[in-house]
């Protein structure tokens, strides 16, 4: 009998504790809008822990990353827009190819070449050293010969 009495008293104590009112130290309301201070999370997901600093929509990120979700803002070290029109200052190249480095001085169409070559793409202008037009009517002053052959060197004086 002693054993039965002791077991019934023990179960009674457990039952009283189970059905007792919730203690005040948990700080949780029955509806759920207030949570524990340790979690600091709202039910909608808009507020997060201070360590993360992230909104649920993705528009706000950590200060170290400085990246918007759309991709238009990048790190200051890269200085690149998503469309590709702005590049690093070291490259100085537009995406269309019309602007090149100052060292090259070449347009994409080919009409402008380096100053050292002085040649247009059509071939009508050549280097000053050659003095030859593409048609062949003008030759070097030293030869003094027209393409038709009627004029010869002054030394020969042959018609």
N, C-alpha and C. Protein backbone atom coordinates (compact mmCIF):
# COMPACT_ATOMS: atom_id res chain seq x y z
N UNK A 1 0.80 -1.19 0.00
CA UNK A 1 0.00 0.00 0.00
C UNK A 1 0.85 1.26 0.00
N UNK A 2 1.92 1.19 0.67
CA UNK A 2 2.80 2.34 0.71
C UNK A 2 3.25 2.72 -0.70
N UNK A 3 3.54 1.72 -1.45
CA UNK A 3 4.02 1.98 -2.82
C UNK A 3 2.94 2.62 -3.68
N UNK A 4 1.72 2.16 -3.55
CA UNK A 4 0.63 2.75 -4.31
C UNK A 4 0.38 4.19 -3.89
N UNK A 5 0.49 4.46 -2.64
CA UNK A 5 0.27 5.80 -2.13
C UNK A 5 1.37 6.74 -2.62
N UNK A 6 2.56 6.27 -2.57
CA UNK A 6 3.67 7.12 -3.04
C UNK A 6 3.56 7.40 -4.55
N UNK A 7 3.20 6.40 -5.33
CA UNK A 7 3.04 6.62 -6.77
C UNK A 7 1.88 7.56 -7.08
N UNK A 8 0.79 7.45 -6.36
CA UNK A 8 -0.33 8.35 -6.61
C UNK A 8 0.00 9.78 -6.24
N UNK A 9 0.77 9.98 -5.19
CA UNK A 9 1.18 11.34 -4.82
C UNK A 9 2.12 11.90 -5.87
N UNK A 10 3.04 11.09 -6.36
CA UNK A 10 3.99 11.56 -7.39
C UNK A 10 3.26 11.94 -8.67
N UNK A 11 2.31 11.10 -9.09
CA UNK A 11 1.54 11.45 -10.29
C UNK A 11 0.68 12.68 -10.08
N UNK A 12 0.19 12.88 -8.89
CA UNK A 12 -0.61 14.07 -8.59
C UNK A 12 0.23 15.33 -8.72
N UNK A 13 1.45 15.26 -8.25
CA UNK A 13 2.35 16.43 -8.34
C UNK A 13 2.65 16.75 -9.81
N UNK A 14 2.90 15.73 -10.60
CA UNK A 14 3.14 15.95 -12.03
C UNK A 14 1.92 16.51 -12.72
N UNK A 15 0.74 16.04 -12.35
CA UNK A 15 -0.50 16.51 -12.97
C UNK A 15 -0.77 17.96 -12.61
N UNK A 16 -0.50 18.33 -11.39
CA UNK A 16 -0.72 19.73 -10.97
C UNK A 16 0.21 20.64 -11.74
N UNK A 17 1.46 20.25 -11.90
CA UNK A 17 2.41 21.08 -12.65
C UNK A 17 2.03 21.17 -14.13
N UNK A 18 1.49 20.13 -14.69
CA UNK A 18 1.13 20.14 -16.11
C UNK A 18 -0.04 21.06 -16.39
N UNK A 19 -1.01 21.11 -15.49
CA UNK A 19 -2.19 21.93 -15.71
C UNK A 19 -2.09 23.31 -15.08
N UNK A 20 -0.99 23.63 -14.47
CA UNK A 20 -0.82 24.93 -13.83
C UNK A 20 -0.69 26.01 -14.89
N UNK A 21 -0.87 27.27 -14.49
CA UNK A 21 -0.73 28.41 -15.42
C UNK A 21 0.72 28.53 -15.86
N UNK A 22 0.90 29.09 -17.05
CA UNK A 22 2.26 29.26 -17.56
C UNK A 22 2.99 30.28 -16.72
N UNK A 23 4.25 30.06 -16.43
CA UNK A 23 5.00 31.03 -15.63
C UNK A 23 5.28 32.31 -16.42
N UNK A 24 5.54 33.40 -15.70
CA UNK A 24 5.73 34.72 -16.31
C UNK A 24 7.11 34.87 -16.95
N UNK A 25 8.08 34.02 -16.67
CA UNK A 25 9.44 34.22 -17.15
C UNK A 25 9.63 33.82 -18.63
N UNK A 26 8.67 33.15 -19.27
CA UNK A 26 8.84 32.79 -20.68
C UNK A 26 8.57 33.96 -21.61
N UNK A 27 7.73 34.94 -21.23
CA UNK A 27 7.43 36.15 -21.99
C UNK A 27 6.91 35.85 -23.38
N UNK A 28 6.04 34.90 -23.51
CA UNK A 28 5.45 34.56 -24.80
C UNK A 28 3.94 34.69 -24.66
N UNK A 29 3.31 35.49 -25.51
CA UNK A 29 1.86 35.61 -25.49
C UNK A 29 1.27 34.47 -26.28
N UNK A 30 0.01 34.15 -25.99
CA UNK A 30 -0.62 33.01 -26.62
C UNK A 30 -0.84 33.23 -28.12
N UNK A 31 -1.08 34.46 -28.58
CA UNK A 31 -1.34 34.73 -29.99
C UNK A 31 -0.09 34.69 -30.85
N UNK A 32 1.07 34.88 -30.29
CA UNK A 32 2.31 34.75 -31.03
C UNK A 32 2.93 36.04 -31.54
N UNK A 33 2.35 37.25 -31.37
CA UNK A 33 3.03 38.42 -31.91
C UNK A 33 4.30 38.79 -31.15
N UNK A 34 4.36 38.45 -29.85
CA UNK A 34 5.56 38.74 -29.08
C UNK A 34 6.38 37.47 -28.95
N UNK A 35 7.64 37.55 -29.29
CA UNK A 35 8.53 36.39 -29.21
C UNK A 35 9.59 36.64 -28.16
N UNK A 36 10.41 35.67 -27.97
CA UNK A 36 11.50 35.79 -27.00
C UNK A 36 12.49 36.84 -27.47
N UNK A 37 13.09 37.50 -26.54
CA UNK A 37 14.06 38.54 -26.86
C UNK A 37 15.27 37.94 -27.56
N UNK A 38 15.59 36.69 -27.27
CA UNK A 38 16.76 36.06 -27.87
C UNK A 38 16.62 35.92 -29.39
N UNK A 39 15.42 35.67 -29.91
CA UNK A 39 15.29 35.42 -31.34
C UNK A 39 15.14 36.72 -32.15
N UNK A 40 14.44 37.73 -31.62
CA UNK A 40 14.24 39.03 -32.28
C UNK A 40 13.81 38.88 -33.74
N UNK A 41 12.86 38.06 -33.98
CA UNK A 41 12.38 37.83 -35.34
C UNK A 41 10.88 38.08 -35.35
N UNK A 42 10.40 38.92 -36.27
CA UNK A 42 8.97 39.12 -36.42
C UNK A 42 8.41 38.02 -37.29
N UNK A 43 7.14 37.80 -37.19
CA UNK A 43 6.53 36.67 -37.90
C UNK A 43 6.55 36.88 -39.41
N UNK A 44 6.50 38.12 -39.89
CA UNK A 44 6.48 38.39 -41.33
C UNK A 44 7.83 38.25 -42.00
N UNK A 45 8.91 38.26 -41.23
CA UNK A 45 10.23 38.07 -41.81
C UNK A 45 10.93 39.37 -42.18
N UNK A 46 10.33 40.53 -41.92
CA UNK A 46 10.97 41.78 -42.31
C UNK A 46 12.08 42.19 -41.36
N UNK A 47 12.00 41.82 -40.09
CA UNK A 47 13.04 42.16 -39.13
C UNK A 47 13.87 40.94 -38.81
N UNK A 48 15.14 41.07 -38.90
CA UNK A 48 16.05 39.96 -38.59
C UNK A 48 16.99 40.36 -37.47
N UNK A 49 17.87 39.46 -37.15
CA UNK A 49 18.86 39.75 -36.12
C UNK A 49 19.77 40.87 -36.57
N UNK A 50 20.29 41.62 -35.62
CA UNK A 50 21.16 42.74 -35.96
C UNK A 50 22.44 42.27 -36.63
N UNK A 51 22.87 41.05 -36.34
CA UNK A 51 24.09 40.54 -36.96
C UNK A 51 23.91 40.33 -38.46
N UNK A 52 22.71 39.97 -38.90
CA UNK A 52 22.50 39.66 -40.32
C UNK A 52 22.15 40.89 -41.15
N UNK A 53 21.31 41.80 -40.63
CA UNK A 53 20.89 43.03 -41.33
C UNK A 53 20.39 42.74 -42.74
N UNK A 54 19.48 41.81 -42.84
CA UNK A 54 18.96 41.42 -44.14
C UNK A 54 17.44 41.53 -44.10
N UNK A 55 16.86 42.22 -45.07
CA UNK A 55 15.41 42.24 -45.20
C UNK A 55 14.98 41.06 -46.04
N UNK A 56 13.75 40.62 -45.86
CA UNK A 56 13.30 39.42 -46.55
C UNK A 56 13.22 39.64 -48.05
N UNK A 57 12.98 40.87 -48.51
CA UNK A 57 12.88 41.14 -49.94
C UNK A 57 14.20 41.13 -50.67
N UNK A 58 15.31 41.25 -49.95
CA UNK A 58 16.62 41.17 -50.59
C UNK A 58 17.17 42.52 -51.00
N UNK A 59 16.49 43.62 -50.74
CA UNK A 59 16.99 44.91 -51.18
C UNK A 59 18.10 45.44 -50.30
N UNK A 60 18.12 45.09 -49.03
CA UNK A 60 19.16 45.55 -48.12
C UNK A 60 20.12 44.41 -47.83
N UNK A 61 21.37 44.64 -48.01
CA UNK A 61 22.38 43.63 -47.73
C UNK A 61 23.38 44.16 -46.73
N UNK A 62 24.36 43.36 -46.43
CA UNK A 62 25.41 43.78 -45.51
C UNK A 62 26.20 44.92 -46.10
N UNK A 63 26.72 45.77 -45.25
CA UNK A 63 27.48 46.92 -45.73
C UNK A 63 28.75 46.49 -46.45
N UNK A 64 29.27 45.33 -46.10
CA UNK A 64 30.49 44.87 -46.76
C UNK A 64 30.24 44.54 -48.22
N UNK A 65 29.05 44.08 -48.60
CA UNK A 65 28.80 43.66 -49.98
C UNK A 65 28.38 44.83 -50.86
N UNK A 66 27.50 45.74 -50.37
CA UNK A 66 27.01 46.89 -51.11
C UNK A 66 26.49 46.52 -52.50
N UNK A 67 25.62 45.54 -52.52
CA UNK A 67 25.07 45.06 -53.79
C UNK A 67 23.56 45.11 -53.70
N UNK A 68 22.92 45.75 -54.67
CA UNK A 68 21.47 45.70 -54.74
C UNK A 68 21.06 44.44 -55.48
N UNK A 69 19.86 43.98 -55.23
CA UNK A 69 19.44 42.70 -55.81
C UNK A 69 19.32 42.80 -57.32
N UNK A 70 19.05 43.99 -57.87
CA UNK A 70 18.92 44.14 -59.32
C UNK A 70 20.23 44.11 -60.07
N UNK A 71 21.35 44.31 -59.38
CA UNK A 71 22.65 44.21 -60.03
C UNK A 71 23.17 45.53 -60.56
N UNK A 72 22.46 46.64 -60.36
CA UNK A 72 22.92 47.91 -60.91
C UNK A 72 24.06 48.51 -60.12
N UNK A 73 24.14 48.25 -58.84
CA UNK A 73 25.21 48.78 -58.01
C UNK A 73 26.20 47.68 -57.69
N UNK A 74 27.44 47.92 -57.92
CA UNK A 74 28.49 46.94 -57.64
C UNK A 74 29.50 47.53 -56.68
N UNK A 75 30.49 46.77 -56.37
CA UNK A 75 31.57 47.23 -55.50
C UNK A 75 32.31 48.38 -56.16
N UNK A 76 32.82 49.27 -55.35
CA UNK A 76 33.53 50.42 -55.88
C UNK A 76 34.79 49.98 -56.62
N UNK A 77 35.38 48.87 -56.21
CA UNK A 77 36.59 48.40 -56.87
C UNK A 77 36.30 48.00 -58.32
N UNK A 78 35.12 47.49 -58.63
CA UNK A 78 34.84 47.01 -59.98
C UNK A 78 34.37 48.12 -60.90
N UNK A 79 33.52 49.06 -60.42
CA UNK A 79 33.00 50.19 -61.20
C UNK A 79 32.45 49.75 -62.54
N UNK A 80 31.58 48.77 -62.52
CA UNK A 80 31.00 48.24 -63.74
C UNK A 80 29.49 48.29 -63.63
N UNK A 81 28.84 48.88 -64.62
CA UNK A 81 27.39 48.82 -64.67
C UNK A 81 26.97 47.54 -65.36
N UNK A 82 25.78 47.08 -65.09
CA UNK A 82 25.35 45.78 -65.60
C UNK A 82 25.22 45.81 -67.11
N UNK A 83 24.92 46.97 -67.71
CA UNK A 83 24.75 47.05 -69.16
C UNK A 83 26.05 47.00 -69.94
N UNK A 84 27.19 47.25 -69.29
CA UNK A 84 28.47 47.15 -69.96
C UNK A 84 28.94 48.44 -70.59
N UNK A 85 28.21 49.54 -70.45
CA UNK A 85 28.63 50.78 -71.09
C UNK A 85 29.78 51.44 -70.35
N UNK A 86 29.89 51.26 -69.06
CA UNK A 86 30.97 51.86 -68.29
C UNK A 86 31.97 50.79 -67.91
N UNK A 87 33.22 51.02 -68.17
CA UNK A 87 34.27 50.06 -67.84
C UNK A 87 35.28 50.72 -66.93
N UNK A 88 36.27 49.98 -66.56
CA UNK A 88 37.34 50.51 -65.72
C UNK A 88 38.08 51.61 -66.45
N UNK A 89 38.58 52.55 -65.69
CA UNK A 89 39.30 53.68 -66.28
C UNK A 89 40.55 53.19 -66.99
N UNK A 90 41.13 52.10 -66.51
CA UNK A 90 42.34 51.59 -67.14
C UNK A 90 42.06 51.09 -68.56
N UNK A 91 40.86 50.55 -68.83
CA UNK A 91 40.58 49.98 -70.15
C UNK A 91 40.11 51.03 -71.14
N UNK A 92 39.24 51.98 -70.72
CA UNK A 92 38.71 53.06 -71.56
C UNK A 92 38.14 52.53 -72.87
N UNK A 93 37.31 51.53 -72.78
CA UNK A 93 36.73 50.92 -73.97
C UNK A 93 35.22 50.91 -73.81
N UNK A 94 34.50 51.43 -74.79
CA UNK A 94 33.05 51.33 -74.78
C UNK A 94 32.65 50.01 -75.41
N UNK A 95 31.47 49.54 -75.08
CA UNK A 95 31.07 48.21 -75.54
C UNK A 95 30.88 48.18 -77.04
N UNK A 96 30.55 49.30 -77.67
CA UNK A 96 30.33 49.32 -79.12
C UNK A 96 31.60 49.26 -79.93
N UNK A 97 32.75 49.57 -79.34
CA UNK A 97 34.02 49.45 -80.04
C UNK A 97 34.45 50.72 -80.75
N UNK A 98 33.70 51.81 -80.65
CA UNK A 98 34.09 53.03 -81.37
C UNK A 98 35.23 53.76 -80.68
N UNK A 99 35.35 53.65 -79.40
CA UNK A 99 36.43 54.31 -78.67
C UNK A 99 37.45 53.27 -78.24
N UNK A 100 38.69 53.51 -78.54
CA UNK A 100 39.75 52.59 -78.15
C UNK A 100 40.77 53.32 -77.31
N UNK A 101 41.79 52.64 -76.93
CA UNK A 101 42.86 53.24 -76.15
C UNK A 101 43.56 54.32 -76.95
N UNK A 102 44.06 55.31 -76.27
CA UNK A 102 44.73 56.40 -76.95
C UNK A 102 45.99 55.91 -77.64
N UNK A 103 46.61 54.88 -77.09
CA UNK A 103 47.82 54.35 -77.71
C UNK A 103 47.53 53.76 -79.09
N UNK A 104 46.36 53.18 -79.30
CA UNK A 104 46.08 52.52 -80.58
C UNK A 104 45.55 53.50 -81.62
N UNK A 105 44.66 54.43 -81.24
CA UNK A 105 44.08 55.44 -82.14
C UNK A 105 43.47 54.82 -83.38
N UNK A 106 42.66 53.82 -83.20
CA UNK A 106 42.06 53.12 -84.33
C UNK A 106 40.55 53.09 -84.12
N UNK A 107 39.80 53.52 -85.12
CA UNK A 107 38.35 53.39 -85.06
C UNK A 107 37.97 52.03 -85.62
N UNK A 108 36.81 51.56 -85.24
CA UNK A 108 36.42 50.20 -85.63
C UNK A 108 36.19 50.10 -87.12
N UNK A 109 35.82 51.18 -87.80
CA UNK A 109 35.55 51.13 -89.23
C UNK A 109 36.80 51.02 -90.09
N UNK A 110 37.97 51.37 -89.55
CA UNK A 110 39.21 51.21 -90.29
C UNK A 110 39.64 52.44 -91.07
N UNK A 111 38.89 53.54 -91.01
CA UNK A 111 39.27 54.72 -91.80
C UNK A 111 40.43 55.48 -91.17
N UNK A 112 40.58 55.43 -89.89
CA UNK A 112 41.68 56.12 -89.23
C UNK A 112 42.70 55.10 -88.76
N UNK A 113 43.95 55.32 -89.08
CA UNK A 113 45.01 54.42 -88.67
C UNK A 113 46.03 55.17 -87.85
N UNK A 114 47.07 54.50 -87.49
CA UNK A 114 48.13 55.12 -86.71
C UNK A 114 48.81 56.21 -87.52
N UNK A 115 49.29 57.22 -86.83
CA UNK A 115 49.94 58.34 -87.51
C UNK A 115 51.21 57.86 -88.21
N UNK A 116 51.85 56.86 -87.67
CA UNK A 116 53.07 56.36 -88.28
C UNK A 116 52.79 55.78 -89.67
N UNK A 117 51.64 55.19 -89.92
CA UNK A 117 51.36 54.55 -91.21
C UNK A 117 50.85 55.56 -92.25
N UNK A 118 49.99 56.50 -91.84
CA UNK A 118 49.42 57.54 -92.72
C UNK A 118 48.80 56.92 -93.97
N UNK A 119 47.98 55.93 -93.78
CA UNK A 119 47.36 55.26 -94.91
C UNK A 119 45.86 55.23 -94.67
N UNK A 120 45.10 55.66 -95.65
CA UNK A 120 43.64 55.54 -95.57
C UNK A 120 43.25 54.18 -96.11
N UNK A 121 42.08 53.73 -95.72
CA UNK A 121 41.67 52.38 -96.09
C UNK A 121 41.45 52.27 -97.60
N UNK A 122 41.10 53.35 -98.28
CA UNK A 122 40.86 53.28 -99.72
C UNK A 122 42.12 53.16 -100.56
N UNK A 123 43.27 53.54 -100.01
CA UNK A 123 44.53 53.36 -100.72
C UNK A 123 44.95 54.56 -101.54
N UNK A 124 44.22 55.66 -101.53
CA UNK A 124 44.60 56.80 -102.37
C UNK A 124 45.75 57.59 -101.76
N UNK A 125 45.89 57.59 -100.49
CA UNK A 125 46.99 58.31 -99.85
C UNK A 125 48.01 57.32 -99.34
N UNK A 126 49.26 57.53 -99.67
CA UNK A 126 50.32 56.65 -99.21
C UNK A 126 51.34 57.44 -98.41
N UNK A 127 52.39 56.79 -98.04
CA UNK A 127 53.44 57.45 -97.29
C UNK A 127 54.13 58.50 -98.15
N UNK A 128 54.62 59.53 -97.49
CA UNK A 128 55.28 60.61 -98.23
C UNK A 128 56.54 60.09 -98.91
N UNK A 129 57.18 59.10 -98.34
CA UNK A 129 58.40 58.57 -98.93
C UNK A 129 58.12 57.92 -100.29
N UNK A 130 56.96 57.33 -100.50
CA UNK A 130 56.68 56.64 -101.77
C UNK A 130 56.13 57.59 -102.83
N UNK A 131 55.26 58.54 -102.46
CA UNK A 131 54.65 59.52 -103.36
C UNK A 131 54.02 58.85 -104.58
N UNK A 132 53.19 57.89 -104.34
CA UNK A 132 52.55 57.15 -105.43
C UNK A 132 51.05 57.16 -105.18
N UNK A 133 50.30 57.54 -106.20
CA UNK A 133 48.84 57.44 -106.11
C UNK A 133 48.43 56.06 -106.60
N UNK A 134 47.27 55.64 -106.21
CA UNK A 134 46.84 54.28 -106.55
C UNK A 134 46.62 54.12 -108.04
N UNK A 135 46.30 55.16 -108.76
CA UNK A 135 46.05 55.05 -110.20
C UNK A 135 47.31 54.86 -111.03
N UNK A 136 48.47 55.27 -110.52
CA UNK A 136 49.72 55.04 -111.22
C UNK A 136 50.14 56.21 -112.10
N UNK A 137 49.41 57.31 -112.14
CA UNK A 137 49.80 58.42 -113.04
C UNK A 137 50.95 59.23 -112.48
N UNK A 138 51.11 59.31 -111.21
CA UNK A 138 52.22 60.06 -110.62
C UNK A 138 53.25 59.10 -110.07
N UNK A 139 54.50 59.31 -110.41
CA UNK A 139 55.57 58.46 -109.91
C UNK A 139 56.57 59.31 -109.14
N UNK A 140 57.63 58.66 -108.75
CA UNK A 140 58.66 59.37 -108.00
C UNK A 140 59.33 60.42 -108.87
N UNK A 141 59.78 61.48 -108.25
CA UNK A 141 60.43 62.56 -109.00
C UNK A 141 61.71 62.06 -109.64
N UNK A 142 62.39 61.11 -109.03
CA UNK A 142 63.64 60.62 -109.59
C UNK A 142 63.42 59.92 -110.93
N UNK A 143 62.31 59.27 -111.15
CA UNK A 143 62.09 58.51 -112.39
C UNK A 143 61.55 59.41 -113.50
N UNK A 144 60.65 60.35 -113.20
CA UNK A 144 60.02 61.27 -114.15
C UNK A 144 59.45 60.54 -115.36
N UNK A 145 58.65 59.54 -115.07
CA UNK A 145 58.07 58.76 -116.16
C UNK A 145 56.56 58.73 -115.95
N UNK A 146 55.83 59.05 -117.02
CA UNK A 146 54.37 58.91 -116.98
C UNK A 146 54.02 57.50 -117.37
N UNK A 147 52.84 57.07 -116.98
CA UNK A 147 52.44 55.70 -117.22
C UNK A 147 52.29 55.41 -118.72
N UNK A 148 51.95 56.37 -119.54
CA UNK A 148 51.77 56.13 -120.97
C UNK A 148 53.07 55.95 -121.73
N UNK A 149 54.23 56.42 -121.20
CA UNK A 149 55.52 56.22 -121.84
C UNK A 149 55.91 57.36 -122.75
N UNK A 150 55.16 58.45 -122.87
CA UNK A 150 55.51 59.54 -123.79
C UNK A 150 56.64 60.39 -123.25
N UNK A 151 56.75 60.54 -121.98
CA UNK A 151 57.83 61.33 -121.39
C UNK A 151 58.87 60.41 -120.78
N UNK A 152 60.13 60.64 -121.08
CA UNK A 152 61.21 59.83 -120.54
C UNK A 152 62.13 60.71 -119.71
N UNK A 153 63.17 60.12 -119.25
CA UNK A 153 64.12 60.86 -118.44
C UNK A 153 64.78 61.97 -119.26
N UNK A 154 65.12 63.04 -118.60
CA UNK A 154 65.72 64.18 -119.28
C UNK A 154 67.07 63.80 -119.85
N UNK A 155 67.80 62.88 -119.21
CA UNK A 155 69.12 62.49 -119.69
C UNK A 155 69.02 61.81 -121.06
N UNK A 156 67.99 61.03 -121.35
CA UNK A 156 67.87 60.30 -122.61
C UNK A 156 67.33 61.20 -123.71
N UNK A 157 66.37 62.10 -123.40
CA UNK A 157 65.71 63.01 -124.34
C UNK A 157 65.23 62.29 -125.59
N UNK A 158 64.46 61.21 -125.33
CA UNK A 158 63.91 60.43 -126.43
C UNK A 158 62.40 60.59 -126.39
N UNK A 159 61.79 60.86 -127.62
CA UNK A 159 60.35 61.03 -127.67
C UNK A 159 59.68 59.69 -127.89
